[in-house]
């Protein structure tokens, strides 16, 4: 049998090929993990954006209705862009009797322990035109 040096053919040994494939597999796993992280982050950002819309819509609703909600907590659900969200409004008095504070927390449906969005607003009781909303 002729050796590689005598025939002029050079190639990779089996060990070199296996090491190269192992390095490639590790690199591909890292790329895959990074891609999944980006996809998860984009989904979380979309959820936070939509939850923020729900909270802002709740505050705008009070402004549009010019209402003066009772002190306490109210819960409800709302769909935004095909996603279900649960919201909680906590109305509290302020030292100035002409204002009420509204804390609106929005949760992803099924997870009432982690608020995805939180908006604070103040309702001003204006005698001529009714209540108006002021955001800090």
Protein backbone atom coordinates (compact mmCIF):
# COMPACT_ATOMS: atom_id res chain seq x y z
CA UNK A 1 0.00 0.00 0.00
CA UNK A 2 1.18 3.48 -0.79
CA UNK A 3 1.17 6.19 1.87
CA UNK A 4 -0.28 9.70 1.37
CA UNK A 5 3.18 11.22 1.04
CA UNK A 6 4.15 8.93 -1.77
CA UNK A 7 0.98 9.49 -3.79
CA UNK A 8 0.85 13.23 -3.16
CA UNK A 9 -2.70 13.16 -1.69
CA UNK A 10 -3.27 15.03 1.52
CA UNK A 11 -6.48 15.06 3.53
CA UNK A 12 -7.89 15.40 6.99
CA UNK A 13 -7.71 12.59 9.48
CA UNK A 14 -10.84 11.28 11.11
CA UNK A 15 -9.89 12.94 14.41
CA UNK A 16 -9.51 16.34 12.72
CA UNK A 17 -12.93 15.99 11.09
CA UNK A 18 -14.58 15.01 14.40
CA UNK A 19 -12.97 17.94 16.24
CA UNK A 20 -14.08 20.35 13.50
CA UNK A 21 -17.65 19.01 13.66
CA UNK A 22 -17.67 19.31 17.46
CA UNK A 23 -16.57 22.95 17.24
CA UNK A 24 -19.23 23.61 14.61
CA UNK A 25 -21.92 21.95 16.76
CA UNK A 26 -20.98 24.09 19.79
CA UNK A 27 -21.08 27.25 17.67
CA UNK A 28 -24.48 26.32 16.20
CA UNK A 29 -25.86 25.64 19.70
CA UNK A 30 -24.72 29.10 20.82
CA UNK A 31 -26.33 30.74 17.79
CA UNK A 32 -29.55 28.82 18.42
CA UNK A 33 -29.63 29.86 22.08
CA UNK A 34 -29.03 33.52 21.16
CA UNK A 35 -31.82 33.40 18.58
CA UNK A 36 -34.26 31.95 21.10
CA UNK A 37 -33.35 34.68 23.58
CA UNK A 38 -34.09 37.34 20.97
CA UNK A 39 -37.44 35.76 20.14
CA UNK A 40 -38.37 35.62 23.85
CA UNK A 41 -37.33 39.24 24.35
CA UNK A 42 -39.40 40.37 21.38
CA UNK A 43 -42.44 38.53 22.72
CA UNK A 44 -41.99 40.08 26.17
CA UNK A 45 -41.62 43.55 24.64
CA UNK A 46 -44.83 43.07 22.65
CA UNK A 47 -46.69 41.92 25.77
CA UNK A 48 -45.46 44.96 27.73
CA UNK A 49 -46.42 47.31 24.89
CA UNK A 50 -49.94 45.90 24.64
CA UNK A 51 -50.37 45.93 28.43
CA UNK A 52 -49.29 49.58 28.44
CA UNK A 53 -51.98 50.31 25.86
CA UNK A 54 -54.58 48.64 28.11
CA UNK A 55 -53.52 50.74 31.11
CA UNK A 56 -53.51 53.97 29.09
CA UNK A 57 -56.91 53.11 27.61
CA UNK A 58 -58.34 52.64 31.11
CA UNK A 59 -57.01 56.05 32.17
CA UNK A 60 -58.30 57.69 28.98
CA UNK A 61 -61.71 56.10 29.58
CA UNK A 62 -62.00 57.91 32.92
CA UNK A 63 -61.02 61.15 31.24
CA UNK A 64 -63.53 60.71 28.42
CA UNK A 65 -66.35 59.78 30.80
CA UNK A 66 -65.41 62.60 33.20
CA UNK A 67 -66.24 60.28 36.07
CA UNK A 68 -65.22 60.41 39.72
CA UNK A 69 -64.78 56.74 40.68
CA UNK A 70 -65.31 55.61 44.24
CA UNK A 71 -62.28 54.90 46.40
CA UNK A 72 -61.40 51.21 46.24
CA UNK A 73 -60.26 48.53 43.84
CA UNK A 74 -61.96 47.40 40.64
CA UNK A 75 -60.88 44.46 38.44
CA UNK A 76 -61.69 43.56 34.88
CA UNK A 77 -60.45 42.06 31.64
CA UNK A 78 -59.72 43.57 28.27
CA UNK A 79 -58.46 42.23 24.94
CA UNK A 80 -55.79 44.11 23.06
CA UNK A 81 -54.54 42.94 19.64
CA UNK A 82 -56.03 39.51 20.21
CA UNK A 83 -54.40 39.04 23.64
CA UNK A 84 -56.34 38.85 26.88
CA UNK A 85 -55.24 41.00 29.80
CA UNK A 86 -56.52 41.44 33.34
CA UNK A 87 -56.45 44.91 34.87
CA UNK A 88 -56.81 46.28 38.37
CA UNK A 89 -57.63 49.89 39.23
CA UNK A 90 -56.94 51.10 42.76
CA UNK A 91 -58.45 54.52 43.47
CA UNK A 92 -57.18 56.38 46.53
CA UNK A 93 -57.77 59.81 48.00
CA UNK A 94 -55.06 62.45 47.98
CA UNK A 95 -54.43 65.22 50.53
CA UNK A 96 -56.15 67.60 48.10
CA UNK A 97 -59.86 66.73 48.01
CA UNK A 98 -60.07 67.85 44.37
CA UNK A 99 -57.83 64.98 43.21
CA UNK A 100 -57.95 61.20 43.24
CA UNK A 101 -55.05 58.91 42.45
CA UNK A 102 -55.62 55.91 40.18
CA UNK A 103 -53.07 53.07 40.05
CA UNK A 104 -53.74 50.84 37.06
CA UNK A 105 -51.92 47.53 36.95
CA UNK A 106 -52.22 45.19 33.97
CA UNK A 107 -51.47 41.47 34.15
CA UNK A 108 -51.12 38.85 31.45
CA UNK A 109 -54.18 36.60 31.54
CA UNK A 110 -53.66 33.79 34.02
CA UNK A 111 -50.77 35.44 35.92
CA UNK A 112 -52.25 37.84 38.50
CA UNK A 113 -49.02 38.03 40.52
CA UNK A 114 -46.79 39.91 38.05
CA UNK A 115 -47.89 43.27 36.66
CA UNK A 116 -46.76 43.64 33.07
CA UNK A 117 -47.65 47.35 33.06
CA UNK A 118 -48.34 49.95 35.75
CA UNK A 119 -49.70 53.44 35.12
CA UNK A 120 -50.49 56.10 37.72
CA UNK A 121 -52.90 58.90 36.97
CA UNK A 122 -54.72 61.62 38.85
CA UNK A 123 -58.32 62.66 38.36
CA UNK A 124 -59.00 66.32 39.03
CA UNK A 125 -62.52 67.25 40.06
CA UNK A 126 -63.27 70.43 38.15
CA UNK A 127 -66.60 71.97 39.11
CA UNK A 128 -67.40 73.51 35.68
CA UNK A 129 -66.47 70.74 33.28
CA UNK A 130 -66.37 67.71 35.58
CA UNK A 131 -63.32 65.62 36.38
CA UNK A 132 -60.24 65.71 34.20
CA UNK A 133 -57.21 63.42 34.15
CA UNK A 134 -53.67 64.55 34.84
CA UNK A 135 -50.77 62.15 34.29
CA UNK A 136 -47.54 62.71 36.20
